[in-house]
PDB file of N, CA and C in Angstrom:
ATOM      1  N   MET A   1     166.724  41.780 134.056  1.00  0.00           N
ATOM      2  CA  MET A   1     167.251  40.454 133.851  1.00  0.00           C
ATOM      3  C   MET A   1     168.366  40.208 134.844  1.00  0.00           C
ATOM      4  N   THR A   2     168.328  39.072 135.473  1.00  0.00           N
ATOM      5  CA  THR A   2     169.350  38.690 136.438  1.00  0.00           C
ATOM      6  C   THR A   2     170.256  37.635 135.829  1.00  0.00           C
ATOM      7  N   TRP A   3     171.552  37.815 136.002  1.00  0.00           N
ATOM      8  CA  TRP A   3     172.516  36.848 135.510  1.00  0.00           C
ATOM      9  C   TRP A   3     172.679  35.756 136.572  1.00  0.00           C
ATOM     10  N   THR A   4     172.065  34.632 136.326  1.00  0.00           N
ATOM     11  CA  THR A   4     172.189  33.495 137.238  1.00  0.00           C
ATOM     12  C   THR A   4     173.517  32.790 136.978  1.00  0.00           C
ATOM     13  N   GLU A   5     173.921  31.953 137.930  1.00  0.00           N
ATOM     14  CA  GLU A   5     175.157  31.187 137.760  1.00  0.00           C
ATOM     15  C   GLU A   5     175.079  30.308 136.514  1.00  0.00           C
ATOM     16  N   GLU A   6     173.903  29.739 136.250  1.00  0.00           N
ATOM     17  CA  GLU A   6     173.722  28.885 135.070  1.00  0.00           C
ATOM     18  C   GLU A   6     173.891  29.694 133.779  1.00  0.00           C
ATOM     19  N   LYS A   7     173.298  30.893 133.725  1.00  0.00           N
ATOM     20  CA  LYS A   7     173.437  31.728 132.529  1.00  0.00           C
ATOM     21  C   LYS A   7     174.895  32.161 132.332  1.00  0.00           C
ATOM     22  N   ILE A   8     175.568  32.475 133.408  1.00  0.00           N
ATOM     23  CA  ILE A   8     176.973  32.875 133.312  1.00  0.00           C
ATOM     24  C   ILE A   8     177.826  31.705 132.820  1.00  0.00           C
ATOM     25  N   ARG A   9     177.573  30.508 133.320  1.00  0.00           N
ATOM     26  CA  ARG A   9     178.309  29.321 132.884  1.00  0.00           C
ATOM     27  C   ARG A   9     178.078  29.072 131.397  1.00  0.00           C
ATOM     28  N   ARG A  10     176.795  29.199 130.965  1.00  0.00           N
ATOM     29  CA  ARG A  10     176.455  28.979 129.559  1.00  0.00           C
ATOM     30  C   ARG A  10     177.096  30.058 128.677  1.00  0.00           C
ATOM     31  N   LEU A  11     177.092  31.306 129.148  1.00  0.00           N
ATOM     32  CA  LEU A  11     177.745  32.396 128.426  1.00  0.00           C
ATOM     33  C   LEU A  11     179.223  32.077 128.223  1.00  0.00           C
ATOM     34  N   LYS A  12     179.921  31.670 129.296  1.00  0.00           N
ATOM     35  CA  LYS A  12     181.346  31.360 129.193  1.00  0.00           C
ATOM     36  C   LYS A  12     181.602  30.204 128.232  1.00  0.00           C
ATOM     37  N   ASP A  13     180.786  29.163 128.311  1.00  0.00           N
ATOM     38  CA  ASP A  13     180.949  28.002 127.427  1.00  0.00           C
ATOM     39  C   ASP A  13     180.773  28.401 125.961  1.00  0.00           C
ATOM     40  N   MET A  14     179.718  29.152 125.685  1.00  0.00           N
ATOM     41  CA  MET A  14     179.449  29.551 124.302  1.00  0.00           C
ATOM     42  C   MET A  14     180.511  30.538 123.798  1.00  0.00           C
ATOM     43  N   TRP A  15     180.964  31.427 124.679  1.00  0.00           N
ATOM     44  CA  TRP A  15     182.004  32.397 124.322  1.00  0.00           C
ATOM     45  C   TRP A  15     183.286  31.650 123.942  1.00  0.00           C
ATOM     46  N   ASP A  16     183.656  30.668 124.789  1.00  0.00           N
ATOM     47  CA  ASP A  16     184.862  29.881 124.519  1.00  0.00           C
ATOM     48  C   ASP A  16     184.731  29.063 123.235  1.00  0.00           C
ATOM     49  N   ALA A  17     183.499  28.658 122.904  1.00  0.00           N
ATOM     50  CA  ALA A  17     183.264  27.882 121.688  1.00  0.00           C
ATOM     51  C   ALA A  17     183.288  28.768 120.446  1.00  0.00           C
ATOM     52  N   GLY A  18     183.333  30.107 120.635  1.00  0.00           N
ATOM     53  CA  GLY A  18     183.404  31.020 119.505  1.00  0.00           C
ATOM     54  C   GLY A  18     182.055  31.458 118.973  1.00  0.00           C
ATOM     55  N   ASP A  19     180.977  31.178 119.696  1.00  0.00           N
ATOM     56  CA  ASP A  19     179.655  31.621 119.249  1.00  0.00           C
ATOM     57  C   ASP A  19     179.579  33.147 119.282  1.00  0.00           C
ATOM     58  N   SER A  20     178.797  33.713 118.386  1.00  0.00           N
ATOM     59  CA  SER A  20     178.661  35.167 118.327  1.00  0.00           C
ATOM     60  C   SER A  20     177.862  35.677 119.521  1.00  0.00           C
ATOM     61  N   ALA A  21     178.042  36.949 119.832  1.00  0.00           N
ATOM     62  CA  ALA A  21     177.286  37.560 120.933  1.00  0.00           C
ATOM     63  C   ALA A  21     175.793  37.499 120.650  1.00  0.00           C
ATOM     64  N   SER A  22     175.412  37.639 119.385  1.00  0.00           N
ATOM     65  CA  SER A  22     173.994  37.553 119.014  1.00  0.00           C
ATOM     66  C   SER A  22     173.442  36.161 119.288  1.00  0.00           C
ATOM     67  N   ALA A  23     174.207  35.139 118.892  1.00  0.00           N
ATOM     68  CA  ALA A  23     173.756  33.763 119.105  1.00  0.00           C
ATOM     69  C   ALA A  23     173.651  33.443 120.590  1.00  0.00           C
ATOM     70  N   ILE A  24     174.613  33.910 121.361  1.00  0.00           N
ATOM     71  CA  ILE A  24     174.585  33.691 122.809  1.00  0.00           C
ATOM     72  C   ILE A  24     173.369  34.387 123.405  1.00  0.00           C
ATOM     73  N   GLY A  25     173.117  35.618 122.977  1.00  0.00           N
ATOM     74  CA  GLY A  25     171.964  36.370 123.475  1.00  0.00           C
ATOM     75  C   GLY A  25     170.651  35.672 123.177  1.00  0.00           C
ATOM     76  N   ARG A  26     170.519  35.152 121.946  1.00  0.00           N
ATOM     77  CA  ARG A  26     169.285  34.416 121.601  1.00  0.00           C
ATOM     78  C   ARG A  26     169.119  33.198 122.495  1.00  0.00           C
ATOM     79  N   GLU A  27     170.209  32.486 122.716  1.00  0.00           N
ATOM     80  CA  GLU A  27     170.171  31.281 123.560  1.00  0.00           C
ATOM     81  C   GLU A  27     169.777  31.606 125.001  1.00  0.00           C
ATOM     82  N   LEU A  28     170.289  32.731 125.514  1.00  0.00           N
ATOM     83  CA  LEU A  28     170.054  33.085 126.910  1.00  0.00           C
ATOM     84  C   LEU A  28     168.845  33.996 127.120  1.00  0.00           C
ATOM     85  N   GLY A  29     168.269  34.473 126.028  1.00  0.00           N
ATOM     86  CA  GLY A  29     167.106  35.352 126.141  1.00  0.00           C
ATOM     87  C   GLY A  29     167.460  36.764 126.550  1.00  0.00           C
ATOM     88  N   VAL A  30     168.643  37.234 126.124  1.00  0.00           N
ATOM     89  CA  VAL A  30     169.087  38.596 126.418  1.00  0.00           C
ATOM     90  C   VAL A  30     169.577  39.240 125.128  1.00  0.00           C
ATOM     91  N   THR A  31     169.893  40.516 125.188  1.00  0.00           N
ATOM     92  CA  THR A  31     170.375  41.207 123.992  1.00  0.00           C
ATOM     93  C   THR A  31     171.862  40.935 123.768  1.00  0.00           C
ATOM     94  N   LYS A  32     172.281  41.180 122.547  1.00  0.00           N
ATOM     95  CA  LYS A  32     173.698  41.059 122.189  1.00  0.00           C
ATOM     96  C   LYS A  32     174.536  41.986 123.076  1.00  0.00           C
ATOM     97  N   ASN A  33     174.051  43.202 123.295  1.00  0.00           N
ATOM     98  CA  ASN A  33     174.794  44.152 124.118  1.00  0.00           C
ATOM     99  C   ASN A  33     174.924  43.690 125.570  1.00  0.00           C
ATOM    100  N   SER A  34     173.911  42.995 126.078  1.00  0.00           N
ATOM    101  CA  SER A  34     174.003  42.434 127.433  1.00  0.00           C
ATOM    102  C   SER A  34     175.107  41.392 127.496  1.00  0.00           C
ATOM    103  N   VAL A  35     175.193  40.584 126.469  1.00  0.00           N
ATOM    104  CA  VAL A  35     176.225  39.543 126.406  1.00  0.00           C
ATOM    105  C   VAL A  35     177.612  40.185 126.362  1.00  0.00           C
ATOM    106  N   ILE A  36     177.774  41.197 125.517  1.00  0.00           N
ATOM    107  CA  ILE A  36     179.071  41.853 125.396  1.00  0.00           C
ATOM    108  C   ILE A  36     179.460  42.525 126.715  1.00  0.00           C
ATOM    109  N   GLY A  37     178.521  43.231 127.325  1.00  0.00           N
ATOM    110  CA  GLY A  37     178.795  43.890 128.605  1.00  0.00           C
ATOM    111  C   GLY A  37     179.190  42.900 129.688  1.00  0.00           C
ATOM    112  N   LYS A  38     178.445  41.806 129.774  1.00  0.00           N
ATOM    113  CA  LYS A  38     178.738  40.803 130.807  1.00  0.00           C
ATOM    114  C   LYS A  38     180.080  40.134 130.540  1.00  0.00           C
ATOM    115  N   SER A  39     180.377  39.877 129.261  1.00  0.00           N
ATOM    116  CA  SER A  39     181.658  39.238 128.941  1.00  0.00           C
ATOM    117  C   SER A  39     182.822  40.140 129.345  1.00  0.00           C
ATOM    118  N   ARG A  40     182.654  41.436 129.167  1.00  0.00           N
ATOM    119  CA  ARG A  40     183.715  42.375 129.567  1.00  0.00           C
ATOM    120  C   ARG A  40     183.834  42.432 131.092  1.00  0.00           C
ATOM    121  N   ARG A  41     182.704  42.446 131.787  1.00  0.00           N
ATOM    122  CA  ARG A  41     182.752  42.477 133.251  1.00  0.00           C
ATOM    123  C   ARG A  41     183.354  41.199 133.818  1.00  0.00           C
ATOM    124  N   LEU A  42     183.166  40.083 133.106  1.00  0.00           N
ATOM    125  CA  LEU A  42     183.741  38.810 133.541  1.00  0.00           C
ATOM    126  C   LEU A  42     185.214  38.682 133.149  1.00  0.00           C
ATOM    127  N   GLY A  43     185.684  39.602 132.316  1.00  0.00           N
ATOM    128  CA  GLY A  43     187.078  39.562 131.889  1.00  0.00           C
ATOM    129  C   GLY A  43     187.358  38.505 130.830  1.00  0.00           C
ATOM    130  N   LEU A  44     186.327  38.125 130.057  1.00  0.00           N
ATOM    131  CA  LEU A  44     186.526  37.149 128.996  1.00  0.00           C
ATOM    132  C   LEU A  44     187.389  37.771 127.898  1.00  0.00           C
ATOM    133  N   PRO A  45     188.148  36.944 127.175  1.00  0.00           N
ATOM    134  CA  PRO A  45     189.035  37.504 126.149  1.00  0.00           C
ATOM    135  C   PRO A  45     188.264  38.256 125.072  1.00  0.00           C
ATOM    136  N   ALA A  46     188.815  39.393 124.668  1.00  0.00           N
ATOM    137  CA  ALA A  46     188.187  40.208 123.622  1.00  0.00           C
ATOM    138  C   ALA A  46     188.258  39.466 122.295  1.00  0.00           C
ATOM    139  N   ARG A  47     187.358  39.820 121.402  1.00  0.00           N
ATOM    140  CA  ARG A  47     187.321  39.218 120.069  1.00  0.00           C
ATOM    141  C   ARG A  47     187.555  40.288 119.025  1.00  0.00           C
ATOM    142  N   PRO A  48     188.081  39.885 117.871  1.00  0.00           N
ATOM    143  CA  PRO A  48     188.225  40.873 116.805  1.00  0.00           C
ATOM    144  C   PRO A  48     186.854  41.299 116.283  1.00  0.00           C
ATOM    145  N   SER A  49     186.787  42.500 115.766  1.00  0.00           N
ATOM    146  CA  SER A  49     185.536  43.009 115.226  1.00  0.00           C
ATOM    147  C   SER A  49     185.096  42.177 114.025  1.00  0.00           C
ATOM    148  N   PRO A  50     183.775  41.909 113.893  1.00  0.00           N
ATOM    149  CA  PRO A  50     183.305  41.181 112.719  1.00  0.00           C
ATOM    150  C   PRO A  50     183.302  42.044 111.464  1.00  0.00           C
ATOM    151  N   ILE A  51     183.528  43.347 111.612  1.00  0.00           N
ATOM    152  CA  ILE A  51     183.567  44.244 110.458  1.00  0.00           C
ATOM    153  C   ILE A  51     184.990  44.237 109.921  1.00  0.00           C
ATOM    154  N   VAL A  52     185.145  43.735 108.719  1.00  0.00           N
ATOM    155  CA  VAL A  52     186.463  43.632 108.116  1.00  0.00           C
ATOM    156  C   VAL A  52     186.643  44.788 107.149  1.00  0.00           C
ATOM    157  N   LYS A  53     187.683  45.566 107.360  1.00  0.00           N
ATOM    158  CA  LYS A  53     187.945  46.698 106.473  1.00  0.00           C
ATOM    159  C   LYS A  53     188.541  46.198 105.169  1.00  0.00           C
ATOM    160  N   ALA A  54     188.115  46.817 104.079  1.00  0.00           N
ATOM    161  CA  ALA A  54     188.653  46.462 102.767  1.00  0.00           C
ATOM    162  C   ALA A  54     190.091  46.946 102.684  1.00  0.00           C
ATOM    163  N   LYS A  55     190.933  46.147 102.068  1.00  0.00           N
ATOM    164  CA  LYS A  55     192.336  46.509 101.906  1.00  0.00           C
ATOM    165  C   LYS A  55     192.635  46.697 100.436  1.00  0.00           C
ATOM    166  N   THR A  56     193.563  47.611 100.152  1.00  0.00           N
ATOM    167  CA  THR A  56     193.989  47.808  98.779  1.00  0.00           C
ATOM    168  C   THR A  56     194.840  46.611  98.393  1.00  0.00           C
ATOM    169  N   PRO A  57     194.511  45.942  97.289  1.00  0.00           N
ATOM    170  CA  PRO A  57     195.324  44.802  96.891  1.00  0.00           C
ATOM    171  C   PRO A  57     196.734  45.257  96.535  1.00  0.00           C
ATOM    172  N   LYS A  58     197.724  44.525  97.029  1.00  0.00           N
ATOM    173  CA  LYS A  58     199.115  44.847  96.740  1.00  0.00           C
ATOM    174  C   LYS A  58     199.488  44.179  95.436  1.00  0.00           C
ATOM    175  N   SER A  59     200.141  44.926  94.591  1.00  0.00           N
ATOM    176  CA  SER A  59     200.552  44.396  93.303  1.00  0.00           C
ATOM    177  C   SER A  59     201.961  44.844  93.005  1.00  0.00           C
ATOM    178  N   SER A  60     202.843  43.902  92.709  1.00  0.00           N
ATOM    179  CA  SER A  60     204.222  44.255  92.406  1.00  0.00           C
ATOM    180  C   SER A  60     204.336  44.859  91.018  1.00  0.00           C
ATOM    181  N   SER A  61     203.304  44.679  90.172  1.00  0.00           N
ATOM    182  CA  SER A  61     203.363  45.210  88.822  1.00  0.00           C
ATOM    183  C   SER A  61     202.817  46.633  88.720  1.00  0.00           C
ATOM    184  N   ARG A  62     202.471  47.231  89.867  1.00  0.00           N
ATOM    185  CA  ARG A  62     201.953  48.586  89.864  1.00  0.00           C
ATOM    186  C   ARG A  62     203.033  49.566  89.446  1.00  0.00           C
ATOM    187  N   LYS A  63     202.685  50.493  88.563  1.00  0.00           N
ATOM    188  CA  LYS A  63     203.639  51.503  88.112  1.00  0.00           C
ATOM    189  C   LYS A  63     203.739  52.601  89.152  1.00  0.00           C
ATOM    190  N   ALA A  64     204.888  53.192  89.258  1.00  0.00           N
ATOM    191  CA  ALA A  64     205.083  54.300  90.195  1.00  0.00           C
ATOM    192  C   ALA A  64     204.132  55.424  89.837  1.00  0.00           C
ATOM    193  N   GLY A  65     203.459  55.963  90.838  1.00  0.00           N
ATOM    194  CA  GLY A  65     202.547  57.077  90.617  1.00  0.00           C
ATOM    195  C   GLY A  65     201.132  56.632  90.283  1.00  0.00           C
ATOM    196  N   SER A  66     200.917  55.395  89.870  1.00  0.00           N
ATOM    197  CA  SER A  66     199.548  54.950  89.589  1.00  0.00           C
ATOM    198  C   SER A  66     198.902  54.538  90.901  1.00  0.00           C
ATOM    199  N   ARG A  67     197.596  54.612  90.938  1.00  0.00           N
ATOM    200  CA  ARG A  67     196.899  54.332  92.181  1.00  0.00           C
ATOM    201  C   ARG A  67     195.724  53.421  91.920  1.00  0.00           C
ATOM    202  N   GLU A  68     195.692  52.272  92.597  1.00  0.00           N
ATOM    203  CA  GLU A  68     194.556  51.364  92.489  1.00  0.00           C
ATOM    204  C   GLU A  68     193.587  51.694  93.606  1.00  0.00           C
ATOM    205  N   LYS A  69     192.304  51.670  93.310  1.00  0.00           N
ATOM    206  CA  LYS A  69     191.291  51.912  94.339  1.00  0.00           C
ATOM    207  C   LYS A  69     190.998  50.625  95.071  1.00  0.00           C
ATOM    208  N   ALA A  70     190.790  50.734  96.369  1.00  0.00           N
ATOM    209  CA  ALA A  70     190.372  49.575  97.149  1.00  0.00           C
ATOM    210  C   ALA A  70     188.923  49.274  96.798  1.00  0.00           C
ATOM    211  N   ARG A  71     188.587  48.037  96.794  1.00  0.00           N
ATOM    212  CA  ARG A  71     187.193  47.658  96.575  1.00  0.00           C
ATOM    213  C   ARG A  71     186.535  47.565  97.936  1.00  0.00           C
ATOM    214  N   ILE A  72     185.732  48.554  98.239  1.00  0.00           N
ATOM    215  CA  ILE A  72     185.070  48.619  99.536  1.00  0.00           C
ATOM    216  C   ILE A  72     183.719  47.936  99.445  1.00  0.00           C
ATOM    217  N   SER A  73     183.473  47.012 100.384  1.00  0.00           N
ATOM    218  CA  SER A  73     182.228  46.256 100.350  1.00  0.00           C
ATOM    219  C   SER A  73     181.324  46.569 101.542  1.00  0.00           C
ATOM    220  N   ASP A  74     181.748  47.455 102.423  1.00  0.00           N
ATOM    221  CA  ASP A  74     180.939  47.828 103.592  1.00  0.00           C
ATOM    222  C   ASP A  74     180.557  49.302 103.468  1.00  0.00           C
ATOM    223  N   VAL A  75     179.264  49.583 103.366  1.00  0.00           N
ATOM    224  CA  VAL A  75     178.797  50.955 103.165  1.00  0.00           C
ATOM    225  C   VAL A  75     179.265  51.889 104.283  1.00  0.00           C
ATOM    226  N   PHE A  76     179.501  51.356 105.474  1.00  0.00           N
ATOM    227  CA  PHE A  76     179.931  52.191 106.589  1.00  0.00           C
ATOM    228  C   PHE A  76     181.393  52.634 106.462  1.00  0.00           C
ATOM    229  N   LEU A  77     182.132  52.035 105.533  1.00  0.00           N
ATOM    230  CA  LEU A  77     183.516  52.437 105.316  1.00  0.00           C
ATOM    231  C   LEU A  77     183.653  53.501 104.229  1.00  0.00           C
ATOM    232  N   LEU A  78     182.558  53.807 103.541  1.00  0.00           N
ATOM    233  CA  LEU A  78     182.584  54.851 102.511  1.00  0.00           C
ATOM    234  C   LEU A  78     182.556  56.214 103.179  1.00  0.00           C
ATOM    235  N   ASP A  79     183.316  57.163 102.638  1.00  0.00           N
ATOM    236  CA  ASP A  79     183.145  58.503 103.184  1.00  0.00           C
ATOM    237  C   ASP A  79     182.192  59.292 102.290  1.00  0.00           C
ATOM    238  N   HIS A  80     181.822  60.476 102.702  1.00  0.00           N
ATOM    239  CA  HIS A  80     180.734  61.238 102.071  1.00  0.00           C
ATOM    240  C   HIS A  80     180.962  61.570 100.607  1.00  0.00           C
ATOM    241  N   ASN A  81     182.203  61.538 100.141  1.00  0.00           N
ATOM    242  CA  ASN A  81     182.448  61.904  98.746  1.00  0.00           C
ATOM    243  C   ASN A  81     182.743  60.694  97.856  1.00  0.00           C
ATOM    244  N   MET A  82     182.336  59.501  98.290  1.00  0.00           N
ATOM    245  CA  MET A  82     182.549  58.282  97.503  1.00  0.00           C
ATOM    246  C   MET A  82     181.222  57.761  96.961  1.00  0.00           C
ATOM    247  N   CYS A  83     181.204  57.414  95.680  1.00  0.00           N
ATOM    248  CA  CYS A  83     180.009  56.899  95.019  1.00  0.00           C
ATOM    249  C   CYS A  83     179.531  55.616  95.689  1.00  0.00           C
ATOM    250  N   ARG A  84     178.228  55.548  95.977  1.00  0.00           N
ATOM    251  CA  ARG A  84     177.635  54.406  96.667  1.00  0.00           C
ATOM    252  C   ARG A  84     176.964  53.416  95.713  1.00  0.00           C
ATOM    253  N   TRP A  85     177.288  53.484  94.433  1.00  0.00           N
ATOM    254  CA  TRP A  85     176.685  52.579  93.458  1.00  0.00           C
ATOM    255  C   TRP A  85     177.204  51.162  93.718  1.00  0.00           C
ATOM    256  N   PRO A  86     176.286  50.200  93.954  1.00  0.00           N
ATOM    257  CA  PRO A  86     176.724  48.837  94.275  1.00  0.00           C
ATOM    258  C   PRO A  86     176.992  48.001  93.023  1.00  0.00           C
ATOM    259  N   PHE A  87     177.930  47.099  93.135  1.00  0.00           N
ATOM    260  CA  PHE A  87     178.227  46.121  92.091  1.00  0.00           C
ATOM    261  C   PHE A  87     178.099  44.738  92.707  1.00  0.00           C
ATOM    262  N   GLY A  88     177.183  43.931  92.172  1.00  0.00           N
ATOM    263  CA  GLY A  88     176.997  42.577  92.664  1.00  0.00           C
ATOM    264  C   GLY A  88     175.942  42.489  93.746  1.00  0.00           C
ATOM    265  N   ASN A  89     175.881  41.339  94.369  1.00  0.00           N
ATOM    266  CA  ASN A  89     174.928  41.046  95.434  1.00  0.00           C
ATOM    267  C   ASN A  89     175.639  41.164  96.778  1.00  0.00           C
ATOM    268  N   PRO A  90     175.104  41.944  97.721  1.00  0.00           N
ATOM    269  CA  PRO A  90     175.774  42.118  99.014  1.00  0.00           C
ATOM    270  C   PRO A  90     175.983  40.815  99.781  1.00  0.00           C
ATOM    271  N   ASP A  91     175.206  39.790  99.482  1.00  0.00           N
ATOM    272  CA  ASP A  91     175.339  38.515 100.182  1.00  0.00           C
ATOM    273  C   ASP A  91     176.378  37.598  99.545  1.00  0.00           C
ATOM    274  N   GLU A  92     176.987  38.026  98.448  1.00  0.00           N
ATOM    275  CA  GLU A  92     177.930  37.163  97.746  1.00  0.00           C
ATOM    276  C   GLU A  92     179.325  37.772  97.713  1.00  0.00           C
ATOM    277  N   LYS A  93     180.320  36.899  97.611  1.00  0.00           N
ATOM    278  CA  LYS A  93     181.708  37.334  97.529  1.00  0.00           C
ATOM    279  C   LYS A  93     181.902  38.165  96.260  1.00  0.00           C
ATOM    280  N   GLY A  94     182.709  39.189  96.361  1.00  0.00           N
ATOM    281  CA  GLY A  94     182.986  40.032  95.207  1.00  0.00           C
ATOM    282  C   GLY A  94     182.150  41.303  95.160  1.00  0.00           C
ATOM    283  N   PHE A  95     181.195  41.470  96.087  1.00  0.00           N
ATOM    284  CA  PHE A  95     180.370  42.677  96.131  1.00  0.00           C
ATOM    285  C   PHE A  95     181.243  43.875  96.523  1.00  0.00           C
ATOM    286  N   TYR A  96     180.989  45.037  95.870  1.00  0.00           N
ATOM    287  CA  TYR A  96     181.715  46.253  96.220  1.00  0.00           C
ATOM    288  C   TYR A  96     180.944  47.479  95.734  1.00  0.00           C
ATOM    289  N   PHE A  97     181.403  48.662  96.178  1.00  0.00           N
ATOM    290  CA  PHE A  97     180.823  49.931  95.760  1.00  0.00           C
ATOM    291  C   PHE A  97     181.776  50.620  94.782  1.00  0.00           C
ATOM    292  N   CYS A  98     181.226  51.505  93.940  1.00  0.00           N
ATOM    293  CA  CYS A  98     181.993  52.209  92.911  1.00  0.00           C
ATOM    294  C   CYS A  98     183.157  53.008  93.516  1.00  0.00           C
ATOM    295  N   CYS A  99     182.884  53.869  94.466  1.00  0.00           N
ATOM    296  CA  CYS A  99     183.871  54.672  95.206  1.00  0.00           C
ATOM    297  C   CYS A  99     184.479  55.843  94.436  1.00  0.00           C
ATOM    298  N   LYS A 100     184.040  56.116  93.191  1.00  0.00           N
ATOM    299  CA  LYS A 100     184.538  57.304  92.487  1.00  0.00           C
ATOM    300  C   LYS A 100     184.000  58.548  93.194  1.00  0.00           C
ATOM    301  N   ALA A 101     184.518  59.708  92.839  1.00  0.00           N
ATOM    302  CA  ALA A 101     184.054  60.965  93.431  1.00  0.00           C
ATOM    303  C   ALA A 101     182.589  61.211  93.047  1.00  0.00           C
ATOM    304  N   VAL A 102     181.785  61.629  94.025  1.00  0.00           N
ATOM    305  CA  VAL A 102     180.360  61.854  93.782  1.00  0.00           C
ATOM    306  C   VAL A 102     180.116  63.177  93.064  1.00  0.00           C
ATOM    307  N   ALA A 103     178.983  63.247  92.370  1.00  0.00           N
ATOM    308  CA  ALA A 103     178.522  64.493  91.770  1.00  0.00           C
ATOM    309  C   ALA A 103     178.019  65.384  92.911  1.00  0.00           C
ATOM    310  N   PRO A 104     178.139  66.697  92.797  1.00  0.00           N
ATOM    311  CA  PRO A 104     177.703  67.595  93.878  1.00  0.00           C
ATOM    312  C   PRO A 104     176.250  67.348  94.289  1.00  0.00           C
ATOM    313  N   GLY A 105     176.044  67.109  95.594  1.00  0.00           N
ATOM    314  CA  GLY A 105     174.709  66.924  96.141  1.00  0.00           C
ATOM    315  C   GLY A 105     174.076  65.576  95.847  1.00  0.00           C
ATOM    316  N   LYS A 106     174.818  64.637  95.288  1.00  0.00           N
ATOM    317  CA  LYS A 106     174.283  63.318  94.932  1.00  0.00           C
ATOM    318  C   LYS A 106     175.090  62.221  95.620  1.00  0.00           C
ATOM    319  N   PRO A 107     174.514  61.037  95.763  1.00  0.00           N
ATOM    320  CA  PRO A 107     175.250  59.931  96.389  1.00  0.00           C
ATOM    321  C   PRO A 107     176.074  59.119  95.392  1.00  0.00           C
ATOM    322  N   TYR A 108     175.992  59.465  94.085  1.00  0.00           N
ATOM    323  CA  TYR A 108     176.664  58.701  93.044  1.00  0.00           C
ATOM    324  C   TYR A 108     177.594  59.594  92.221  1.00  0.00           C
ATOM    325  N   CYS A 109     178.502  58.963  91.485  1.00  0.00           N
ATOM    326  CA  CYS A 109     179.374  59.679  90.546  1.00  0.00           C
ATOM    327  C   CYS A 109     178.541  60.093  89.332  1.00  0.00           C
ATOM    328  N   GLU A 110     179.122  60.907  88.450  1.00  0.00           N
ATOM    329  CA  GLU A 110     178.402  61.386  87.257  1.00  0.00           C
ATOM    330  C   GLU A 110     177.845  60.217  86.436  1.00  0.00           C
ATOM    331  N   GLU A 111     178.669  59.202  86.220  1.00  0.00           N
ATOM    332  CA  GLU A 111     178.257  58.055  85.404  1.00  0.00           C
ATOM    333  C   GLU A 111     177.033  57.346  85.995  1.00  0.00           C
ATOM    334  N   HIS A 112     177.038  57.122  87.285  1.00  0.00           N
ATOM    335  CA  HIS A 112     175.930  56.398  87.902  1.00  0.00           C
ATOM    336  C   HIS A 112     174.706  57.284  88.127  1.00  0.00           C
ATOM    337  N   CYS A 113     174.905  58.592  88.247  1.00  0.00           N
ATOM    338  CA  CYS A 113     173.764  59.508  88.304  1.00  0.00           C
ATOM    339  C   CYS A 113     172.974  59.429  87.003  1.00  0.00           C
ATOM    340  N   ALA A 114     173.690  59.292  85.873  1.00  0.00           N
ATOM    341  CA  ALA A 114     173.030  59.209  84.570  1.00  0.00           C
ATOM    342  C   ALA A 114     172.135  57.970  84.496  1.00  0.00           C
ATOM    343  N   THR A 115     172.493  56.933  85.198  1.00  0.00           N
ATOM    344  CA  THR A 115     171.683  55.709  85.221  1.00  0.00           C
ATOM    345  C   THR A 115     170.569  55.805  86.262  1.00  0.00           C
ATOM    346  N   ALA A 116     170.875  56.406  87.401  1.00  0.00           N
ATOM    347  CA  ALA A 116     169.944  56.413  88.530  1.00  0.00           C
ATOM    348  C   ALA A 116     168.800  57.409  88.391  1.00  0.00           C
ATOM    349  N   TYR A 117     169.058  58.563  87.810  1.00  0.00           N
ATOM    350  CA  TYR A 117     168.060  59.623  87.797  1.00  0.00           C
ATOM    351  C   TYR A 117     167.465  59.796  86.402  1.00  0.00           C
ATOM    352  N   VAL A 118     166.241  59.339  86.245  1.00  0.00           N
ATOM    353  CA  VAL A 118     165.523  59.438  84.977  1.00  0.00           C
ATOM    354  C   VAL A 118     164.239  60.219  85.241  1.00  0.00           C
ATOM    355  N   THR A 119     163.927  61.212  84.399  1.00  0.00           N
ATOM    356  CA  THR A 119     162.718  62.010  84.583  1.00  0.00           C
ATOM    357  C   THR A 119     161.495  61.237  84.100  1.00  0.00           C
ATOM    358  N   LYS A 120     160.318  61.752  84.362  1.00  0.00           N
ATOM    359  CA  LYS A 120     159.070  61.096  83.929  1.00  0.00           C
ATOM    360  C   LYS A 120     159.002  60.948  82.421  1.00  0.00           C
ATOM    361  N   SER A 121     159.609  61.879  81.698  1.00  0.00           N
ATOM    362  CA  SER A 121     159.558  61.806  80.243  1.00  0.00           C
ATOM    363  C   SER A 121     160.514  60.753  79.688  1.00  0.00           C
ATOM    364  N   GLY A 122     161.334  60.174  80.561  1.00  0.00           N
ATOM    365  CA  GLY A 122     162.259  59.146  80.127  1.00  0.00           C
ATOM    366  C   GLY A 122     163.648  59.646  79.851  1.00  0.00           C
ATOM    367  N   SER A 123     163.847  60.962  79.909  1.00  0.00           N
ATOM    368  CA  SER A 123     165.196  61.485  79.658  1.00  0.00           C
ATOM    369  C   SER A 123     166.001  61.438  80.958  1.00  0.00           C
ATOM    370  N   ARG A 124     167.288  61.410  80.797  1.00  0.00           N
ATOM    371  CA  ARG A 124     168.183  61.339  81.942  1.00  0.00           C
ATOM    372  C   ARG A 124     168.342  62.716  82.576  1.00  0.00           C
ATOM    373  N   GLU A 125     168.389  62.747  83.905  1.00  0.00           N
ATOM    374  CA  GLU A 125     168.590  63.994  84.629  1.00  0.00           C
ATOM    375  C   GLU A 125     170.081  64.255  84.722  1.00  0.00           C
ATOM    376  N   ARG A 126     170.489  65.490  84.566  1.00  0.00           N
ATOM    377  CA  ARG A 126     171.894  65.829  84.744  1.00  0.00           C
ATOM    378  C   ARG A 126     172.236  65.804  86.223  1.00  0.00           C
ATOM    379  N   ALA A 127     173.445  65.369  86.549  1.00  0.00           N
ATOM    380  CA  ALA A 127     173.865  65.249  87.942  1.00  0.00           C
ATOM    381  C   ALA A 127     174.057  66.585  88.624  1.00  0.00           C
ATOM    382  N   SER A 128     174.458  67.610  87.924  1.00  0.00           N
ATOM    383  CA  SER A 128     174.751  68.881  88.587  1.00  0.00           C
ATOM    384  C   SER A 128     173.636  69.869  88.476  1.00  0.00           C
TER     385      SER A 128
END
């Protein structure tokens, strides 16, 4: 693919308008990564990442020593020992993962393993 003057002009216009790299790529018939690479080579201003990290809500009524868990809504922000049980619809506001400590060798905490793993006979499988 060759970057013509017209494609470069259109890239700059769409970039300045705040269009996503994916949208620009679809418009120009190139990949998102091509758009990002070209924008960097052109020295266009960087943009913040579209991946927003979950923050622990600050509360002035929190007692000393107590700890509130952050509600993490991006599976890529979970580490290996956090329960991946989802709450809500990923496409809607308020979606989050359980995040409790996982049962050994499982992706869920003890409570969610009891729900997730059912044997053929209908009884619940133990997590450990």
